[in-house]
N, C-alpha and C. Protein backbone atom coordinates (compact mmCIF):
# COMPACT_ATOMS: atom_id res chain seq x y z
N MET A 1 0.84 -1.18 0.00
CA MET A 1 0.00 0.00 0.00
C MET A 1 0.89 1.24 0.00
N SER A 2 0.55 2.18 -0.78
CA SER A 2 1.34 3.39 -0.83
C SER A 2 0.48 4.52 -1.36
N ASN A 3 0.80 5.72 -0.91
CA ASN A 3 0.05 6.86 -1.41
C ASN A 3 0.75 7.49 -2.61
N GLY A 4 1.82 6.85 -3.08
CA GLY A 4 2.52 7.37 -4.23
C GLY A 4 3.74 8.19 -3.86
N THR A 5 3.78 8.74 -2.65
CA THR A 5 4.94 9.53 -2.25
C THR A 5 5.84 8.77 -1.30
N HIS A 6 5.34 7.73 -0.67
CA HIS A 6 6.13 6.91 0.24
C HIS A 6 6.04 5.47 -0.22
N PHE A 7 7.17 4.85 -0.40
CA PHE A 7 7.17 3.43 -0.66
C PHE A 7 8.44 2.87 -0.05
N TYR A 8 8.27 1.93 0.83
CA TYR A 8 9.41 1.33 1.50
C TYR A 8 9.63 -0.05 0.93
N LYS A 9 10.86 -0.31 0.54
CA LYS A 9 11.21 -1.63 0.04
C LYS A 9 12.53 -2.02 0.69
N PHE A 10 12.45 -2.94 1.61
CA PHE A 10 13.63 -3.42 2.30
C PHE A 10 13.82 -4.89 1.95
N SER A 11 15.05 -5.27 1.63
CA SER A 11 15.34 -6.65 1.27
C SER A 11 15.40 -7.56 2.47
N ASN A 12 15.80 -6.98 3.61
CA ASN A 12 15.98 -7.81 4.80
C ASN A 12 15.85 -6.95 6.06
N LEU A 13 15.89 -7.60 7.20
CA LEU A 13 15.73 -6.88 8.48
C LEU A 13 16.85 -5.88 8.71
N GLU A 14 18.04 -6.18 8.25
CA GLU A 14 19.17 -5.27 8.46
C GLU A 14 18.94 -3.93 7.75
N GLU A 15 18.40 -3.97 6.54
CA GLU A 15 18.11 -2.72 5.82
C GLU A 15 17.07 -1.89 6.57
N LEU A 16 16.05 -2.56 7.08
CA LEU A 16 15.02 -1.86 7.86
C LEU A 16 15.63 -1.28 9.13
N LYS A 17 16.48 -2.04 9.77
CA LYS A 17 17.14 -1.60 11.00
C LYS A 17 17.99 -0.35 10.74
N VAL A 18 18.73 -0.37 9.64
CA VAL A 18 19.55 0.79 9.26
C VAL A 18 18.65 2.00 8.98
N HIS A 19 17.54 1.78 8.27
CA HIS A 19 16.60 2.87 7.98
C HIS A 19 16.08 3.52 9.26
N LEU A 20 15.70 2.69 10.22
CA LEU A 20 15.14 3.21 11.48
C LEU A 20 16.19 3.86 12.36
N GLY A 21 17.42 3.39 12.30
CA GLY A 21 18.50 3.96 13.10
C GLY A 21 18.16 3.97 14.58
N THR A 22 18.40 5.11 15.23
CA THR A 22 18.15 5.22 16.67
C THR A 22 16.67 5.20 17.02
N ASP A 23 15.80 5.43 16.03
CA ASP A 23 14.36 5.35 16.29
C ASP A 23 13.93 3.95 16.71
N LEU A 24 14.66 2.93 16.26
CA LEU A 24 14.31 1.56 16.64
C LEU A 24 14.37 1.39 18.15
N GLU A 25 15.39 1.94 18.78
CA GLU A 25 15.50 1.85 20.24
C GLU A 25 14.32 2.54 20.92
N SER A 26 13.94 3.70 20.43
CA SER A 26 12.80 4.42 20.99
C SER A 26 11.50 3.65 20.81
N ILE A 27 11.31 3.08 19.62
CA ILE A 27 10.11 2.27 19.36
C ILE A 27 10.04 1.12 20.35
N CYS A 28 11.15 0.43 20.52
CA CYS A 28 11.20 -0.71 21.45
C CYS A 28 10.96 -0.27 22.89
N ASP A 29 11.51 0.88 23.27
CA ASP A 29 11.29 1.40 24.63
C ASP A 29 9.81 1.67 24.88
N TYR A 30 9.13 2.30 23.92
CA TYR A 30 7.69 2.55 24.08
C TYR A 30 6.90 1.25 24.17
N ILE A 31 7.25 0.30 23.31
CA ILE A 31 6.56 -1.00 23.33
C ILE A 31 6.73 -1.67 24.69
N LEU A 32 7.95 -1.68 25.20
CA LEU A 32 8.21 -2.37 26.47
C LEU A 32 7.65 -1.63 27.68
N SER A 33 7.63 -0.30 27.64
CA SER A 33 7.15 0.45 28.81
C SER A 33 5.64 0.70 28.77
N ASP A 34 5.09 1.03 27.60
CA ASP A 34 3.68 1.41 27.49
C ASP A 34 2.80 0.35 26.83
N GLY A 35 3.42 -0.59 26.13
CA GLY A 35 2.65 -1.60 25.40
C GLY A 35 2.10 -1.08 24.08
N ILE A 36 2.47 0.16 23.71
CA ILE A 36 1.93 0.78 22.49
C ILE A 36 2.89 1.87 22.01
N VAL A 37 2.96 2.05 20.70
CA VAL A 37 3.72 3.14 20.10
C VAL A 37 2.93 3.63 18.89
N PHE A 38 2.88 4.94 18.71
CA PHE A 38 2.06 5.55 17.66
C PHE A 38 2.90 6.08 16.51
N GLU A 39 2.27 6.17 15.34
CA GLU A 39 2.92 6.86 14.23
C GLU A 39 3.30 8.26 14.71
N GLY A 40 4.48 8.70 14.32
CA GLY A 40 4.93 10.03 14.70
C GLY A 40 5.58 10.11 16.06
N GLN A 41 5.45 9.08 16.87
CA GLN A 41 6.03 9.12 18.21
C GLN A 41 7.55 8.99 18.14
N CYS A 42 8.03 8.34 17.10
CA CYS A 42 9.46 8.21 16.84
C CYS A 42 9.65 8.65 15.39
N GLY A 43 10.64 9.46 15.14
CA GLY A 43 10.84 10.12 13.86
C GLY A 43 10.48 9.36 12.60
N LYS A 44 11.01 8.16 12.43
CA LYS A 44 10.78 7.43 11.18
C LYS A 44 9.62 6.45 11.25
N LEU A 45 8.95 6.37 12.38
CA LEU A 45 7.80 5.48 12.49
C LEU A 45 6.57 6.25 12.02
N ASP A 46 6.32 6.16 10.72
CA ASP A 46 5.17 6.87 10.16
C ASP A 46 4.08 5.88 9.75
N SER A 47 2.95 6.42 9.36
CA SER A 47 1.81 5.57 9.02
C SER A 47 2.12 4.65 7.84
N TYR A 48 2.92 5.12 6.90
CA TYR A 48 3.24 4.33 5.72
C TYR A 48 4.09 3.12 6.09
N LEU A 49 5.02 3.30 7.00
CA LEU A 49 5.86 2.19 7.44
C LEU A 49 5.03 1.15 8.18
N ILE A 50 4.14 1.61 9.04
CA ILE A 50 3.27 0.68 9.77
C ILE A 50 2.32 -0.02 8.81
N GLU A 51 1.72 0.74 7.90
CA GLU A 51 0.74 0.19 6.97
C GLU A 51 1.38 -0.77 5.97
N GLU A 52 2.51 -0.39 5.39
CA GLU A 52 3.14 -1.21 4.37
C GLU A 52 3.85 -2.43 4.93
N LEU A 53 4.47 -2.28 6.08
CA LEU A 53 5.26 -3.36 6.65
C LEU A 53 4.66 -3.90 7.93
N GLY A 54 3.47 -3.44 8.23
CA GLY A 54 2.86 -3.75 9.51
C GLY A 54 2.71 -5.20 9.86
N SER A 55 2.51 -6.05 8.89
CA SER A 55 2.27 -7.45 9.23
C SER A 55 3.47 -8.33 8.93
N SER A 56 4.59 -7.73 8.59
CA SER A 56 5.72 -8.56 8.22
C SER A 56 7.03 -8.12 8.84
N MET A 57 7.84 -7.46 8.06
CA MET A 57 9.21 -7.17 8.46
C MET A 57 9.32 -6.29 9.70
N LEU A 58 8.51 -5.26 9.80
CA LEU A 58 8.58 -4.38 10.97
C LEU A 58 8.23 -5.15 12.25
N MET A 59 7.19 -5.98 12.17
CA MET A 59 6.79 -6.78 13.34
C MET A 59 7.89 -7.76 13.73
N GLU A 60 8.51 -8.37 12.72
CA GLU A 60 9.59 -9.33 12.98
C GLU A 60 10.78 -8.63 13.64
N LEU A 61 11.13 -7.45 13.16
CA LEU A 61 12.25 -6.71 13.73
C LEU A 61 11.97 -6.31 15.17
N ILE A 62 10.80 -5.78 15.43
CA ILE A 62 10.46 -5.36 16.80
C ILE A 62 10.45 -6.56 17.73
N CYS A 63 9.91 -7.67 17.28
CA CYS A 63 9.89 -8.88 18.10
C CYS A 63 11.31 -9.36 18.39
N SER A 64 12.18 -9.31 17.39
CA SER A 64 13.55 -9.77 17.61
C SER A 64 14.30 -8.85 18.58
N GLU A 65 13.94 -7.57 18.60
CA GLU A 65 14.60 -6.61 19.49
C GLU A 65 14.03 -6.61 20.90
N THR A 66 12.73 -6.89 21.03
CA THR A 66 12.07 -6.78 22.34
C THR A 66 11.71 -8.12 22.97
N GLY A 67 11.55 -9.13 22.14
CA GLY A 67 11.10 -10.43 22.64
C GLY A 67 9.60 -10.52 22.81
N VAL A 68 8.86 -9.50 22.37
CA VAL A 68 7.40 -9.53 22.46
C VAL A 68 6.80 -9.35 21.05
N ASP A 69 5.64 -9.95 20.86
CA ASP A 69 4.93 -9.80 19.60
C ASP A 69 4.09 -8.53 19.62
N VAL A 70 4.12 -7.79 18.53
CA VAL A 70 3.29 -6.59 18.41
C VAL A 70 2.37 -6.75 17.20
N ILE A 71 1.27 -6.03 17.25
CA ILE A 71 0.27 -6.06 16.19
C ILE A 71 0.04 -4.63 15.71
N PRO A 72 -0.02 -4.43 14.38
CA PRO A 72 -0.35 -3.11 13.86
C PRO A 72 -1.86 -2.90 13.89
N SER A 73 -2.28 -1.67 14.07
CA SER A 73 -3.70 -1.37 14.05
C SER A 73 -3.91 0.09 13.67
N TYR A 74 -5.18 0.46 13.56
CA TYR A 74 -5.55 1.81 13.17
C TYR A 74 -6.76 2.24 14.00
N SER A 75 -6.69 3.44 14.55
CA SER A 75 -7.82 4.00 15.28
C SER A 75 -8.59 4.92 14.35
N LYS A 76 -9.81 4.54 14.00
CA LYS A 76 -10.64 5.38 13.13
C LYS A 76 -10.97 6.70 13.80
N GLU A 77 -11.25 6.65 15.09
CA GLU A 77 -11.62 7.86 15.82
C GLU A 77 -10.46 8.86 15.86
N SER A 78 -9.27 8.37 16.15
CA SER A 78 -8.10 9.25 16.27
C SER A 78 -7.35 9.43 14.96
N ARG A 79 -7.68 8.60 13.97
CA ARG A 79 -6.99 8.63 12.67
C ARG A 79 -5.49 8.40 12.82
N LEU A 80 -5.14 7.40 13.62
CA LEU A 80 -3.74 7.08 13.87
C LEU A 80 -3.46 5.60 13.66
N TYR A 81 -2.30 5.33 13.06
CA TYR A 81 -1.78 3.97 13.04
C TYR A 81 -0.93 3.79 14.28
N TYR A 82 -0.90 2.57 14.78
CA TYR A 82 -0.09 2.29 15.96
C TYR A 82 0.26 0.81 16.01
N LEU A 83 1.22 0.49 16.86
CA LEU A 83 1.62 -0.88 17.13
C LEU A 83 1.37 -1.12 18.60
N TYR A 84 0.87 -2.29 18.94
CA TYR A 84 0.62 -2.57 20.35
C TYR A 84 0.90 -4.03 20.67
N VAL A 85 1.06 -4.29 21.97
CA VAL A 85 1.29 -5.64 22.47
C VAL A 85 -0.05 -6.19 22.94
N PRO A 86 -0.59 -7.18 22.25
CA PRO A 86 -1.88 -7.73 22.68
C PRO A 86 -1.76 -8.34 24.07
N GLY A 87 -2.77 -8.09 24.88
CA GLY A 87 -2.78 -8.61 26.24
C GLY A 87 -2.11 -7.69 27.25
N GLU A 88 -1.32 -6.74 26.78
CA GLU A 88 -0.64 -5.80 27.67
C GLU A 88 -1.45 -4.53 27.89
N ILE A 89 -2.36 -4.27 26.97
CA ILE A 89 -3.12 -3.02 27.01
C ILE A 89 -4.54 -3.32 26.51
N SER A 90 -5.52 -2.83 27.23
CA SER A 90 -6.92 -3.10 26.85
C SER A 90 -7.34 -2.21 25.68
N SER A 91 -8.42 -2.59 25.01
CA SER A 91 -8.90 -1.78 23.89
C SER A 91 -9.34 -0.39 24.36
N ASP A 92 -9.89 -0.30 25.58
CA ASP A 92 -10.25 1.01 26.12
C ASP A 92 -9.01 1.87 26.34
N GLU A 93 -7.94 1.26 26.87
CA GLU A 93 -6.69 1.99 27.09
C GLU A 93 -6.10 2.43 25.76
N VAL A 94 -6.19 1.57 24.75
CA VAL A 94 -5.68 1.91 23.43
C VAL A 94 -6.38 3.15 22.90
N GLU A 95 -7.71 3.17 22.93
CA GLU A 95 -8.45 4.32 22.41
C GLU A 95 -8.17 5.59 23.21
N GLU A 96 -8.04 5.44 24.52
CA GLU A 96 -7.72 6.59 25.38
C GLU A 96 -6.34 7.14 25.04
N LYS A 97 -5.36 6.26 24.88
CA LYS A 97 -4.01 6.71 24.54
C LYS A 97 -3.95 7.29 23.13
N CYS A 98 -4.69 6.69 22.21
CA CYS A 98 -4.75 7.23 20.84
C CYS A 98 -5.31 8.66 20.86
N ALA A 99 -6.40 8.84 21.57
CA ALA A 99 -7.03 10.17 21.64
C ALA A 99 -6.08 11.17 22.28
N GLN A 100 -5.38 10.76 23.33
CA GLN A 100 -4.44 11.67 24.01
C GLN A 100 -3.28 12.03 23.10
N TRP A 101 -2.72 11.02 22.40
CA TRP A 101 -1.61 11.28 21.49
C TRP A 101 -2.05 12.23 20.37
N ALA A 102 -3.21 11.97 19.79
CA ALA A 102 -3.72 12.82 18.72
C ALA A 102 -3.93 14.25 19.19
N LYS A 103 -4.47 14.40 20.38
CA LYS A 103 -4.74 15.73 20.93
C LYS A 103 -3.43 16.46 21.27
N ASP A 104 -2.53 15.79 21.97
CA ASP A 104 -1.29 16.43 22.41
C ASP A 104 -0.35 16.78 21.27
N TYR A 105 -0.23 15.89 20.30
CA TYR A 105 0.80 16.06 19.29
C TYR A 105 0.28 16.51 17.94
N TYR A 106 -0.97 16.27 17.66
CA TYR A 106 -1.51 16.66 16.36
C TYR A 106 -2.65 17.66 16.47
N GLY A 107 -3.15 17.91 17.67
CA GLY A 107 -4.24 18.85 17.86
C GLY A 107 -5.59 18.32 17.43
N TRP A 108 -5.70 16.98 17.28
CA TRP A 108 -6.97 16.37 16.87
C TRP A 108 -7.79 16.00 18.08
N LEU A 109 -9.03 15.74 17.84
CA LEU A 109 -9.94 15.17 18.83
C LEU A 109 -10.09 16.00 20.09
N GLU A 110 -10.55 17.16 19.95
CA GLU A 110 -10.86 17.94 21.14
C GLU A 110 -12.02 17.28 21.85
N ARG A 111 -11.79 16.84 23.07
CA ARG A 111 -12.83 16.14 23.83
C ARG A 111 -13.40 17.04 24.87
């Protein structure tokens, strides 16, 4: 999936790791501490990367770095892509955190 301006093509996990650089450590820190990380929360973790690689290489890399499985998802209400650890965070917590992230960082969802 691509909007025409972003297309990620990585041959292997090492290429993806190099692309993410220090953002990979931040992504893993959020996953391990909060159970969730949002698009935009780490510089190179954008919606296109989650959407295009969400079910394959990105998940494999994060799992290899953290030892936990993550799942990509999308909040229709907050209009955000995110990765989360199933069982670590409830769906209510996910929506609450999505709304807070959207409000704090993007100015969306005035509640």
